[in-house]
């Protein structure tokens, strides 16, 4: 089993950033709670897909061997 710690940290940072941006940006101020949740889900999905295209999981993993 391999663990790609830098990739995991980057993923966590992206999730945090998307959630923070949606909650603290004026563009989403008048949106309902359900609409904000939809923006968060779509934002996280798109950002993680881009991350995985640019930096595939396991490419910098330590195999322990």
C-alpha atoms as a PDB file:
ATOM      1  CA  UNK A   1       0.000   0.000   0.000  1.00  0.00           C
ATOM      2  CA  UNK A   2       1.287   3.432  -0.853  1.00  0.00           C
ATOM      3  CA  UNK A   3       0.553   6.725   0.848  1.00  0.00           C
ATOM      4  CA  UNK A   4       1.092   9.937  -1.052  1.00  0.00           C
ATOM      5  CA  UNK A   5       1.188  12.378   1.868  1.00  0.00           C
ATOM      6  CA  UNK A   6       1.894  15.530  -0.231  1.00  0.00           C
ATOM      7  CA  UNK A   7      -1.059  14.706  -2.479  1.00  0.00           C
ATOM      8  CA  UNK A   8      -3.280  14.139   0.560  1.00  0.00           C
ATOM      9  CA  UNK A   9      -2.243  17.492   2.024  1.00  0.00           C
ATOM     10  CA  UNK A  10      -2.885  19.264  -1.290  1.00  0.00           C
ATOM     11  CA  UNK A  11      -6.329  17.645  -1.501  1.00  0.00           C
ATOM     12  CA  UNK A  12      -7.194  18.745   2.021  1.00  0.00           C
ATOM     13  CA  UNK A  13      -6.021  22.275   1.298  1.00  0.00           C
ATOM     14  CA  UNK A  14      -8.132  22.436  -1.863  1.00  0.00           C
ATOM     15  CA  UNK A  15     -11.245  21.195  -0.050  1.00  0.00           C
ATOM     16  CA  UNK A  16     -10.701  23.734   2.742  1.00  0.00           C
ATOM     17  CA  UNK A  17     -10.116  26.563   0.243  1.00  0.00           C
ATOM     18  CA  UNK A  18     -13.260  25.820  -1.791  1.00  0.00           C
ATOM     19  CA  UNK A  19     -15.455  25.594   1.309  1.00  0.00           C
ATOM     20  CA  UNK A  20     -13.947  28.776   2.770  1.00  0.00           C
ATOM     21  CA  UNK A  21     -14.354  30.691  -0.507  1.00  0.00           C
ATOM     22  CA  UNK A  22     -18.000  29.726  -0.914  1.00  0.00           C
ATOM     23  CA  UNK A  23     -18.784  30.620   2.710  1.00  0.00           C
ATOM     24  CA  UNK A  24     -16.889  33.935   2.733  1.00  0.00           C
ATOM     25  CA  UNK A  25     -17.358  35.325  -0.781  1.00  0.00           C
ATOM     26  CA  UNK A  26     -19.968  37.983  -1.447  1.00  0.00           C
ATOM     27  CA  UNK A  27     -20.973  36.318  -4.719  1.00  0.00           C
ATOM     28  CA  UNK A  28     -22.729  33.547  -2.771  1.00  0.00           C
ATOM     29  CA  UNK A  29     -24.186  35.794  -0.040  1.00  0.00           C
ATOM     30  CA  UNK A  30     -27.794  35.636  -1.215  1.00  0.00           C
ATOM     31  CA  UNK A  31     -27.708  31.961  -2.167  1.00  0.00           C
ATOM     32  CA  UNK A  32     -29.771  29.483  -0.190  1.00  0.00           C
ATOM     33  CA  UNK A  33     -28.109  26.820   1.952  1.00  0.00           C
ATOM     34  CA  UNK A  34     -28.845  24.141  -0.639  1.00  0.00           C
ATOM     35  CA  UNK A  35     -27.439  26.262  -3.460  1.00  0.00           C
ATOM     36  CA  UNK A  36     -24.239  26.930  -1.464  1.00  0.00           C
ATOM     37  CA  UNK A  37     -23.881  23.204  -0.847  1.00  0.00           C
ATOM     38  CA  UNK A  38     -24.257  22.543  -4.565  1.00  0.00           C
ATOM     39  CA  UNK A  39     -21.551  25.125  -5.346  1.00  0.00           C
ATOM     40  CA  UNK A  40     -19.251  23.493  -2.773  1.00  0.00           C
ATOM     41  CA  UNK A  41     -19.752  20.007  -4.192  1.00  0.00           C
ATOM     42  CA  UNK A  42     -19.191  21.129  -7.775  1.00  0.00           C
ATOM     43  CA  UNK A  43     -16.211  23.284  -6.778  1.00  0.00           C
ATOM     44  CA  UNK A  44     -14.510  20.489  -4.845  1.00  0.00           C
ATOM     45  CA  UNK A  45     -15.180  17.980  -7.630  1.00  0.00           C
ATOM     46  CA  UNK A  46     -13.750  20.201 -10.360  1.00  0.00           C
ATOM     47  CA  UNK A  47     -10.729  21.230  -8.278  1.00  0.00           C
ATOM     48  CA  UNK A  48      -9.887  17.619  -7.319  1.00  0.00           C
ATOM     49  CA  UNK A  49     -10.267  16.429 -10.930  1.00  0.00           C
ATOM     50  CA  UNK A  50      -7.855  19.151 -12.050  1.00  0.00           C
ATOM     51  CA  UNK A  51      -5.427  18.246  -9.258  1.00  0.00           C
ATOM     52  CA  UNK A  52      -5.512  14.572 -10.248  1.00  0.00           C
ATOM     53  CA  UNK A  53      -4.948  15.378 -13.922  1.00  0.00           C
ATOM     54  CA  UNK A  54      -1.984  17.619 -13.140  1.00  0.00           C
ATOM     55  CA  UNK A  55      -0.589  15.497 -10.289  1.00  0.00           C
ATOM     56  CA  UNK A  56      -1.798  11.849 -10.304  1.00  0.00           C
ATOM     57  CA  UNK A  57      -2.153  10.168  -6.921  1.00  0.00           C
ATOM     58  CA  UNK A  58       0.776   7.880  -6.182  1.00  0.00           C
ATOM     59  CA  UNK A  59       3.276   9.617  -8.428  1.00  0.00           C
ATOM     60  CA  UNK A  60       5.284  10.839  -5.422  1.00  0.00           C
ATOM     61  CA  UNK A  61       4.331   8.020  -3.069  1.00  0.00           C
ATOM     62  CA  UNK A  62       6.763   6.263  -0.790  1.00  0.00           C
ATOM     63  CA  UNK A  63       6.335   2.524  -1.190  1.00  0.00           C
ATOM     64  CA  UNK A  64       8.189   1.576   1.963  1.00  0.00           C
ATOM     65  CA  UNK A  65      10.548  -0.756   0.123  1.00  0.00           C
END
